[in-house]
Amino acid sequence: MDIIALVEKFGFTLVMVVGLGYFVYFVWQTITNTIDPAVSDMKKTIIRLTDQLRLLDQDMIRLKQKVDTVLELKSTEVKNEEKNNKKRN
C-alpha cells in the first residue's frame, strides 16, 4: 500500500500519528542501542583521564617541591662560599 491509499482510507491525521509513532520508536531504539553505550564508555574514559590528571598534578607538585629545595640548597651554598671567601680575604 502506498501512502496516498492509506491517507484516503484512514485519514491524514491517523496516518501521520502512526508515522510519528514509528519515528519516536526509531529514535528511542537508536538512543538505547547506540548512544547510551557510547556515553557509558565515554564516562569511563573521562574518569580514567581525570585520575591520570590528578596523578600528574601530584607529580608536578612533588617535582616543584624538589626543585625549590635544590634551589634553596644551592642559594645557601653560594652564600656560605661568599662568607668563606670574605673571611679568607
PDB file of N, CA and C in Angstrom:
ATOM      1  N   MET A   1       0.839  -1.194   0.000  1.00  0.00           N
ATOM      2  CA  MET A   1       0.000   0.000   0.000  1.00  0.00           C
ATOM      3  C   MET A   1       0.876   1.246   0.000  1.00  0.00           C
ATOM      4  N   ASP A   2       0.493   2.187  -0.760  1.00  0.00           N
ATOM      5  CA  ASP A   2       1.255   3.422  -0.737  1.00  0.00           C
ATOM      6  C   ASP A   2       0.588   4.417   0.197  1.00  0.00           C
ATOM      7  N   ILE A   3       1.260   5.476   0.459  1.00  0.00           N
ATOM      8  CA  ILE A   3       0.816   6.451   1.458  1.00  0.00           C
ATOM      9  C   ILE A   3      -0.490   7.119   1.040  1.00  0.00           C
ATOM     10  N   ILE A   4      -0.670   7.381  -0.227  1.00  0.00           N
ATOM     11  CA  ILE A   4      -1.889   8.046  -0.697  1.00  0.00           C
ATOM     12  C   ILE A   4      -3.113   7.178  -0.420  1.00  0.00           C
ATOM     13  N   ALA A   5      -2.992   5.894  -0.657  1.00  0.00           N
ATOM     14  CA  ALA A   5      -4.122   4.995  -0.387  1.00  0.00           C
ATOM     15  C   ALA A   5      -4.423   4.937   1.104  1.00  0.00           C
ATOM     16  N   LEU A   6      -3.385   4.947   1.936  1.00  0.00           N
ATOM     17  CA  LEU A   6      -3.602   4.955   3.378  1.00  0.00           C
ATOM     18  C   LEU A   6      -4.281   6.235   3.849  1.00  0.00           C
ATOM     19  N   VAL A   7      -3.883   7.375   3.279  1.00  0.00           N
ATOM     20  CA  VAL A   7      -4.498   8.654   3.642  1.00  0.00           C
ATOM     21  C   VAL A   7      -5.962   8.656   3.226  1.00  0.00           C
ATOM     22  N   GLU A   8      -6.286   8.130   2.044  1.00  0.00           N
ATOM     23  CA  GLU A   8      -7.676   8.072   1.595  1.00  0.00           C
ATOM     24  C   GLU A   8      -8.522   7.175   2.490  1.00  0.00           C
ATOM     25  N   LYS A   9      -7.926   6.069   2.945  1.00  0.00           N
ATOM     26  CA  LYS A   9      -8.689   5.103   3.731  1.00  0.00           C
ATOM     27  C   LYS A   9      -8.828   5.511   5.202  1.00  0.00           C
ATOM     28  N   PHE A  10      -7.734   5.967   5.834  1.00  0.00           N
ATOM     29  CA  PHE A  10      -7.750   6.232   7.276  1.00  0.00           C
ATOM     30  C   PHE A  10      -7.750   7.720   7.628  1.00  0.00           C
ATOM     31  N   GLY A  11      -7.365   8.555   6.735  1.00  0.00           N
ATOM     32  CA  GLY A  11      -7.302   9.990   7.014  1.00  0.00           C
ATOM     33  C   GLY A  11      -5.863  10.418   7.276  1.00  0.00           C
ATOM     34  N   PHE A  12      -5.612  11.687   6.951  1.00  0.00           N
ATOM     35  CA  PHE A  12      -4.264  12.239   7.069  1.00  0.00           C
ATOM     36  C   PHE A  12      -3.763  12.193   8.510  1.00  0.00           C
ATOM     37  N   THR A  13      -4.623  12.592   9.438  1.00  0.00           N
ATOM     38  CA  THR A  13      -4.207  12.687  10.837  1.00  0.00           C
ATOM     39  C   THR A  13      -3.759  11.336  11.387  1.00  0.00           C
ATOM     40  N   LEU A  14      -4.527  10.302  11.162  1.00  0.00           N
ATOM     41  CA  LEU A  14      -4.177   8.987  11.691  1.00  0.00           C
ATOM     42  C   LEU A  14      -2.896   8.458  11.068  1.00  0.00           C
ATOM     43  N   VAL A  15      -2.724   8.649   9.772  1.00  0.00           N
ATOM     44  CA  VAL A  15      -1.504   8.184   9.103  1.00  0.00           C
ATOM     45  C   VAL A  15      -0.281   8.920   9.652  1.00  0.00           C
ATOM     46  N   MET A  16      -0.399  10.221   9.883  1.00  0.00           N
ATOM     47  CA  MET A  16       0.723  10.996  10.408  1.00  0.00           C
ATOM     48  C   MET A  16       1.023  10.615  11.869  1.00  0.00           C
ATOM     49  N   VAL A  17      -0.018  10.307  12.658  1.00  0.00           N
ATOM     50  CA  VAL A  17       0.214   9.886  14.044  1.00  0.00           C
ATOM     51  C   VAL A  17       0.968   8.564  14.070  1.00  0.00           C
ATOM     52  N   VAL A  18       0.592   7.631  13.194  1.00  0.00           N
ATOM     53  CA  VAL A  18       1.301   6.353  13.117  1.00  0.00           C
ATOM     54  C   VAL A  18       2.748   6.583  12.664  1.00  0.00           C
ATOM     55  N   GLY A  19       2.938   7.454  11.686  1.00  0.00           N
ATOM     56  CA  GLY A  19       4.288   7.783  11.223  1.00  0.00           C
ATOM     57  C   GLY A  19       5.122   8.414  12.325  1.00  0.00           C
ATOM     58  N   LEU A  20       4.526   9.322  13.097  1.00  0.00           N
ATOM     59  CA  LEU A  20       5.228   9.949  14.206  1.00  0.00           C
ATOM     60  C   LEU A  20       5.549   8.926  15.288  1.00  0.00           C
ATOM     61  N   GLY A  21       4.624   8.003  15.529  1.00  0.00           N
ATOM     62  CA  GLY A  21       4.884   6.936  16.494  1.00  0.00           C
ATOM     63  C   GLY A  21       6.072   6.094  16.079  1.00  0.00           C
ATOM     64  N   TYR A  22       6.154   5.760  14.777  1.00  0.00           N
ATOM     65  CA  TYR A  22       7.303   4.996  14.298  1.00  0.00           C
ATOM     66  C   TYR A  22       8.589   5.807  14.453  1.00  0.00           C
ATOM     67  N   PHE A  23       8.526   7.096  14.173  1.00  0.00           N
ATOM     68  CA  PHE A  23       9.708   7.954  14.317  1.00  0.00           C
ATOM     69  C   PHE A  23      10.189   7.973  15.765  1.00  0.00           C
ATOM     70  N   VAL A  24       9.251   8.114  16.694  1.00  0.00           N
ATOM     71  CA  VAL A  24       9.614   8.124  18.113  1.00  0.00           C
ATOM     72  C   VAL A  24      10.228   6.780  18.503  1.00  0.00           C
ATOM     73  N   TYR A  25       9.643   5.677  18.033  1.00  0.00           N
ATOM     74  CA  TYR A  25      10.180   4.348  18.306  1.00  0.00           C
ATOM     75  C   TYR A  25      11.593   4.208  17.752  1.00  0.00           C
ATOM     76  N   PHE A  26      11.819   4.675  16.518  1.00  0.00           N
ATOM     77  CA  PHE A  26      13.135   4.596  15.884  1.00  0.00           C
ATOM     78  C   PHE A  26      14.165   5.400  16.674  1.00  0.00           C
ATOM     79  N   VAL A  27      13.810   6.620  17.072  1.00  0.00           N
ATOM     80  CA  VAL A  27      14.732   7.463  17.838  1.00  0.00           C
ATOM     81  C   VAL A  27      15.029   6.820  19.193  1.00  0.00           C
ATOM     82  N   TRP A  28      14.005   6.274  19.850  1.00  0.00           N
ATOM     83  CA  TRP A  28      14.200   5.620  21.147  1.00  0.00           C
ATOM     84  C   TRP A  28      15.151   4.433  21.021  1.00  0.00           C
ATOM     85  N   GLN A  29      14.970   3.617  20.006  1.00  0.00           N
ATOM     86  CA  GLN A  29      15.843   2.462  19.799  1.00  0.00           C
ATOM     87  C   GLN A  29      17.269   2.894  19.507  1.00  0.00           C
ATOM     88  N   THR A  30      17.424   3.948  18.716  1.00  0.00           N
ATOM     89  CA  THR A  30      18.770   4.450  18.399  1.00  0.00           C
ATOM     90  C   THR A  30      19.473   4.940  19.659  1.00  0.00           C
ATOM     91  N   ILE A  31      18.746   5.686  20.481  1.00  0.00           N
ATOM     92  CA  ILE A  31      19.341   6.193  21.719  1.00  0.00           C
ATOM     93  C   ILE A  31      19.708   5.039  22.641  1.00  0.00           C
ATOM     94  N   THR A  32      18.798   4.087  22.785  1.00  0.00           N
ATOM     95  CA  THR A  32      19.022   2.979  23.711  1.00  0.00           C
ATOM     96  C   THR A  32      20.159   2.073  23.251  1.00  0.00           C
ATOM     97  N   ASN A  33      20.227   1.773  21.968  1.00  0.00           N
ATOM     98  CA  ASN A  33      21.197   0.790  21.471  1.00  0.00           C
ATOM     99  C   ASN A  33      22.537   1.381  21.071  1.00  0.00           C
ATOM    100  N   THR A  34      22.566   2.638  20.682  1.00  0.00           N
ATOM    101  CA  THR A  34      23.802   3.213  20.157  1.00  0.00           C
ATOM    102  C   THR A  34      24.396   4.279  21.073  1.00  0.00           C
ATOM    103  N   ILE A  35      23.574   5.222  21.475  1.00  0.00           N
ATOM    104  CA  ILE A  35      24.098   6.383  22.190  1.00  0.00           C
ATOM    105  C   ILE A  35      24.399   6.070  23.646  1.00  0.00           C
ATOM    106  N   ASP A  36      23.512   5.370  24.343  1.00  0.00           N
ATOM    107  CA  ASP A  36      23.748   5.065  25.758  1.00  0.00           C
ATOM    108  C   ASP A  36      25.038   4.266  25.997  1.00  0.00           C
ATOM    109  N   PRO A  37      25.314   3.203  25.225  1.00  0.00           N
ATOM    110  CA  PRO A  37      26.592   2.506  25.439  1.00  0.00           C
ATOM    111  C   PRO A  37      27.806   3.402  25.169  1.00  0.00           C
ATOM    112  N   ALA A  38      27.696   4.248  24.145  1.00  0.00           N
ATOM    113  CA  ALA A  38      28.813   5.145  23.837  1.00  0.00           C
ATOM    114  C   ALA A  38      29.030   6.146  24.967  1.00  0.00           C
ATOM    115  N   VAL A  39      27.939   6.643  25.545  1.00  0.00           N
ATOM    116  CA  VAL A  39      28.064   7.592  26.653  1.00  0.00           C
ATOM    117  C   VAL A  39      28.671   6.899  27.873  1.00  0.00           C
ATOM    118  N   SER A  40      28.292   5.668  28.122  1.00  0.00           N
ATOM    119  CA  SER A  40      28.872   4.920  29.241  1.00  0.00           C
ATOM    120  C   SER A  40      30.380   4.735  29.055  1.00  0.00           C
ATOM    121  N   ASP A  41      30.792   4.396  27.842  1.00  0.00           N
ATOM    122  CA  ASP A  41      32.224   4.258  27.566  1.00  0.00           C
ATOM    123  C   ASP A  41      32.949   5.584  27.749  1.00  0.00           C
ATOM    124  N   MET A  42      32.316   6.673  27.318  1.00  0.00           N
ATOM    125  CA  MET A  42      32.941   7.988  27.467  1.00  0.00           C
ATOM    126  C   MET A  42      33.068   8.364  28.933  1.00  0.00           C
ATOM    127  N   LYS A  43      32.069   8.015  29.754  1.00  0.00           N
ATOM    128  CA  LYS A  43      32.158   8.304  31.185  1.00  0.00           C
ATOM    129  C   LYS A  43      33.339   7.569  31.806  1.00  0.00           C
ATOM    130  N   LYS A  44      33.519   6.308  31.439  1.00  0.00           N
ATOM    131  CA  LYS A  44      34.643   5.535  31.966  1.00  0.00           C
ATOM    132  C   LYS A  44      35.968   6.175  31.549  1.00  0.00           C
ATOM    133  N   THR A  45      36.035   6.597  30.301  1.00  0.00           N
ATOM    134  CA  THR A  45      37.252   7.221  29.789  1.00  0.00           C
ATOM    135  C   THR A  45      37.528   8.535  30.508  1.00  0.00           C
ATOM    136  N   ILE A  46      36.492   9.321  30.733  1.00  0.00           N
ATOM    137  CA  ILE A  46      36.661  10.606  31.419  1.00  0.00           C
ATOM    138  C   ILE A  46      37.135  10.387  32.850  1.00  0.00           C
ATOM    139  N   ILE A  47      36.582   9.393  33.528  1.00  0.00           N
ATOM    140  CA  ILE A  47      37.008   9.098  34.899  1.00  0.00           C
ATOM    141  C   ILE A  47      38.476   8.684  34.911  1.00  0.00           C
ATOM    142  N   ARG A  48      38.867   7.836  33.959  1.00  0.00           N
ATOM    143  CA  ARG A  48      40.264   7.383  33.887  1.00  0.00           C
ATOM    144  C   ARG A  48      41.202   8.554  33.608  1.00  0.00           C
ATOM    145  N   LEU A  49      40.815   9.436  32.680  1.00  0.00           N
ATOM    146  CA  LEU A  49      41.660  10.587  32.359  1.00  0.00           C
ATOM    147  C   LEU A  49      41.735  11.570  33.527  1.00  0.00           C
ATOM    148  N   THR A  50      40.639  11.730  34.247  1.00  0.00           N
ATOM    149  CA  THR A  50      40.649  12.603  35.411  1.00  0.00           C
ATOM    150  C   THR A  50      41.601  12.071  36.474  1.00  0.00           C
ATOM    151  N   ASP A  51      41.588  10.763  36.683  1.00  0.00           N
ATOM    152  CA  ASP A  51      42.517  10.166  37.642  1.00  0.00           C
ATOM    153  C   ASP A  51      43.965  10.366  37.207  1.00  0.00           C
ATOM    154  N   GLN A  52      44.234  10.191  35.927  1.00  0.00           N
ATOM    155  CA  GLN A  52      45.600  10.410  35.427  1.00  0.00           C
ATOM    156  C   GLN A  52      46.016  11.868  35.593  1.00  0.00           C
ATOM    157  N   LEU A  53      45.086  12.774  35.364  1.00  0.00           N
ATOM    158  CA  LEU A  53      45.377  14.195  35.521  1.00  0.00           C
ATOM    159  C   LEU A  53      45.698  14.524  36.975  1.00  0.00           C
ATOM    160  N   ARG A  54      44.969  13.926  37.902  1.00  0.00           N
ATOM    161  CA  ARG A  54      45.260  14.145  39.321  1.00  0.00           C
ATOM    162  C   ARG A  54      46.643  13.613  39.676  1.00  0.00           C
ATOM    163  N   LEU A  55      46.979  12.437  39.156  1.00  0.00           N
ATOM    164  CA  LEU A  55      48.311  11.884  39.425  1.00  0.00           C
ATOM    165  C   LEU A  55      49.404  12.785  38.865  1.00  0.00           C
ATOM    166  N   LEU A  56      49.190  13.301  37.652  1.00  0.00           N
ATOM    167  CA  LEU A  56      50.184  14.203  37.069  1.00  0.00           C
ATOM    168  C   LEU A  56      50.305  15.490  37.873  1.00  0.00           C
ATOM    169  N   ASP A  57      49.181  15.977  38.370  1.00  0.00           N
ATOM    170  CA  ASP A  57      49.212  17.185  39.183  1.00  0.00           C
ATOM    171  C   ASP A  57      50.001  16.943  40.462  1.00  0.00           C
ATOM    172  N   GLN A  58      49.794  15.790  41.091  1.00  0.00           N
ATOM    173  CA  GLN A  58      50.555  15.457  42.293  1.00  0.00           C
ATOM    174  C   GLN A  58      52.040  15.324  41.983  1.00  0.00           C
ATOM    175  N   ASP A  59      52.347  14.727  40.839  1.00  0.00           N
ATOM    176  CA  ASP A  59      53.751  14.605  40.434  1.00  0.00           C
ATOM    177  C   ASP A  59      54.377  15.974  40.210  1.00  0.00           C
ATOM    178  N   MET A  60      53.618  16.890  39.606  1.00  0.00           N
ATOM    179  CA  MET A  60      54.137  18.244  39.373  1.00  0.00           C
ATOM    180  C   MET A  60      54.381  18.966  40.697  1.00  0.00           C
ATOM    181  N   ILE A  61      53.504  18.760  41.663  1.00  0.00           N
ATOM    182  CA  ILE A  61      53.686  19.388  42.974  1.00  0.00           C
ATOM    183  C   ILE A  61      54.950  18.842  43.631  1.00  0.00           C
ATOM    184  N   ARG A  62      55.141  17.530  43.587  1.00  0.00           N
ATOM    185  CA  ARG A  62      56.349  16.924  44.171  1.00  0.00           C
ATOM    186  C   ARG A  62      57.606  17.434  43.478  1.00  0.00           C
ATOM    187  N   LEU A  63      57.558  17.498  42.156  1.00  0.00           N
ATOM    188  CA  LEU A  63      58.718  17.972  41.399  1.00  0.00           C
ATOM    189  C   LEU A  63      59.029  19.423  41.740  1.00  0.00           C
ATOM    190  N   LYS A  64      58.016  20.255  41.877  1.00  0.00           N
ATOM    191  CA  LYS A  64      58.225  21.656  42.226  1.00  0.00           C
ATOM    192  C   LYS A  64      58.861  21.771  43.615  1.00  0.00           C
ATOM    193  N   GLN A  65      58.389  20.955  44.550  1.00  0.00           N
ATOM    194  CA  GLN A  65      58.987  20.976  45.884  1.00  0.00           C
ATOM    195  C   GLN A  65      60.457  20.573  45.836  1.00  0.00           C
ATOM    196  N   LYS A  66      60.779  19.570  45.038  1.00  0.00           N
ATOM    197  CA  LYS A  66      62.172  19.133  44.921  1.00  0.00           C
ATOM    198  C   LYS A  66      63.033  20.220  44.296  1.00  0.00           C
ATOM    199  N   VAL A  67      62.514  20.853  43.242  1.00  0.00           N
ATOM    200  CA  VAL A  67      63.271  21.926  42.587  1.00  0.00           C
ATOM    201  C   VAL A  67      63.470  23.088  43.548  1.00  0.00           C
ATOM    202  N   ASP A  68      62.428  23.452  44.291  1.00  0.00           N
ATOM    203  CA  ASP A  68      62.565  24.536  45.269  1.00  0.00           C
ATOM    204  C   ASP A  68      63.605  24.202  46.332  1.00  0.00           C
ATOM    205  N   THR A  69      63.609  22.953  46.783  1.00  0.00           N
ATOM    206  CA  THR A  69      64.591  22.528  47.780  1.00  0.00           C
ATOM    207  C   THR A  69      66.008  22.620  47.219  1.00  0.00           C
ATOM    208  N   VAL A  70      66.192  22.156  46.003  1.00  0.00           N
ATOM    209  CA  VAL A  70      67.521  22.212  45.374  1.00  0.00           C
ATOM    210  C   VAL A  70      67.961  23.658  45.192  1.00  0.00           C
ATOM    211  N   LEU A  71      67.056  24.525  44.765  1.00  0.00           N
ATOM    212  CA  LEU A  71      67.417  25.936  44.597  1.00  0.00           C
ATOM    213  C   LEU A  71      67.757  26.586  45.933  1.00  0.00           C
ATOM    214  N   GLU A  72      67.027  26.229  46.957  1.00  0.00           N
ATOM    215  CA  GLU A  72      67.322  26.767  48.283  1.00  0.00           C
ATOM    216  C   GLU A  72      68.686  26.292  48.776  1.00  0.00           C
ATOM    217  N   LEU A  73      68.968  25.007  48.592  1.00  0.00           N
ATOM    218  CA  LEU A  73      70.275  24.483  48.990  1.00  0.00           C
ATOM    219  C   LEU A  73      71.398  25.137  48.194  1.00  0.00           C
ATOM    220  N   LYS A  74      71.185  25.342  46.921  1.00  0.00           N
ATOM    221  CA  LYS A  74      72.187  25.998  46.073  1.00  0.00           C
ATOM    222  C   LYS A  74      72.416  27.427  46.539  1.00  0.00           C
ATOM    223  N   SER A  75      71.345  28.125  46.860  1.00  0.00           N
ATOM    224  CA  SER A  75      71.461  29.501  47.341  1.00  0.00           C
ATOM    225  C   SER A  75      72.225  29.543  48.658  1.00  0.00           C
ATOM    226  N   THR A  76      71.918  28.623  49.556  1.00  0.00           N
ATOM    227  CA  THR A  76      72.625  28.541  50.843  1.00  0.00           C
ATOM    228  C   THR A  76      74.100  28.233  50.625  1.00  0.00           C
ATOM    229  N   GLU A  77      74.399  27.357  49.701  1.00  0.00           N
ATOM    230  CA  GLU A  77      75.789  27.010  49.403  1.00  0.00           C
ATOM    231  C   GLU A  77      76.546  28.208  48.851  1.00  0.00           C
ATOM    232  N   VAL A  78      75.900  28.967  47.968  1.00  0.00           N
ATOM    233  CA  VAL A  78      76.549  30.155  47.396  1.00  0.00           C
ATOM    234  C   VAL A  78      76.818  31.178  48.491  1.00  0.00           C
ATOM    235  N   LYS A  79      75.885  31.367  49.399  1.00  0.00           N
ATOM    236  CA  LYS A  79      76.073  32.318  50.497  1.00  0.00           C
ATOM    237  C   LYS A  79      77.212  31.881  51.405  1.00  0.00           C
ATOM    238  N   ASN A  80      77.273  30.594  51.695  1.00  0.00           N
ATOM    239  CA  ASN A  80      78.362  30.077  52.534  1.00  0.00           C
ATOM    240  C   ASN A  80      79.711  30.259  51.855  1.00  0.00           C
ATOM    241  N   GLU A  81      79.779  30.041  50.557  1.00  0.00           N
ATOM    242  CA  GLU A  81      81.045  30.244  49.837  1.00  0.00           C
ATOM    243  C   GLU A  81      81.452  31.708  49.862  1.00  0.00           C
ATOM    244  N   GLU A  82      80.477  32.602  49.735  1.00  0.00           N
ATOM    245  CA  GLU A  82      80.786  34.032  49.775  1.00  0.00           C
ATOM    246  C   GLU A  82      81.332  34.431  51.148  1.00  0.00           C
ATOM    247  N   LYS A  83      80.716  33.881  52.186  1.00  0.00           N
ATOM    248  CA  LYS A  83      81.201  34.175  53.542  1.00  0.00           C
ATOM    249  C   LYS A  83      82.622  33.653  53.737  1.00  0.00           C
ATOM    250  N   ASN A  84      82.878  32.450  53.258  1.00  0.00           N
ATOM    251  CA  ASN A  84      84.205  31.872  53.385  1.00  0.00           C
ATOM    252  C   ASN A  84      85.232  32.666  52.582  1.00  0.00           C
ATOM    253  N   ASN A  85      84.857  33.137  51.438  1.00  0.00           N
ATOM    254  CA  ASN A  85      85.775  33.953  50.619  1.00  0.00           C
ATOM    255  C   ASN A  85      86.077  35.284  51.308  1.00  0.00           C
ATOM    256  N   LYS A  86      85.089  35.877  51.942  1.00  0.00           N
ATOM    257  CA  LYS A  86      85.306  37.149  52.664  1.00  0.00           C
ATOM    258  C   LYS A  86      86.232  36.955  53.855  1.00  0.00           C
ATOM    259  N   LYS A  87      86.054  35.828  54.543  1.00  0.00           N
ATOM    260  CA  LYS A  87      86.894  35.557  55.697  1.00  0.00           C
ATOM    261  C   LYS A  87      88.341  35.327  55.294  1.00  0.00           C
ATOM    262  N   ARG A  88      88.554  34.738  54.155  1.00  0.00           N
ATOM    263  CA  ARG A  88      89.913  34.455  53.689  1.00  0.00           C
ATOM    264  C   ARG A  88      90.608  35.741  53.237  1.00  0.00           C
ATOM    265  N   ASN A  89      89.851  36.660  52.707  1.00  0.00           N
ATOM    266  CA  ASN A  89      90.456  37.906  52.204  1.00  0.00           C
ATOM    267  C   ASN A  89      90.650  38.849  53.318  1.00  0.00           C
TER     268      ASN A  89
END
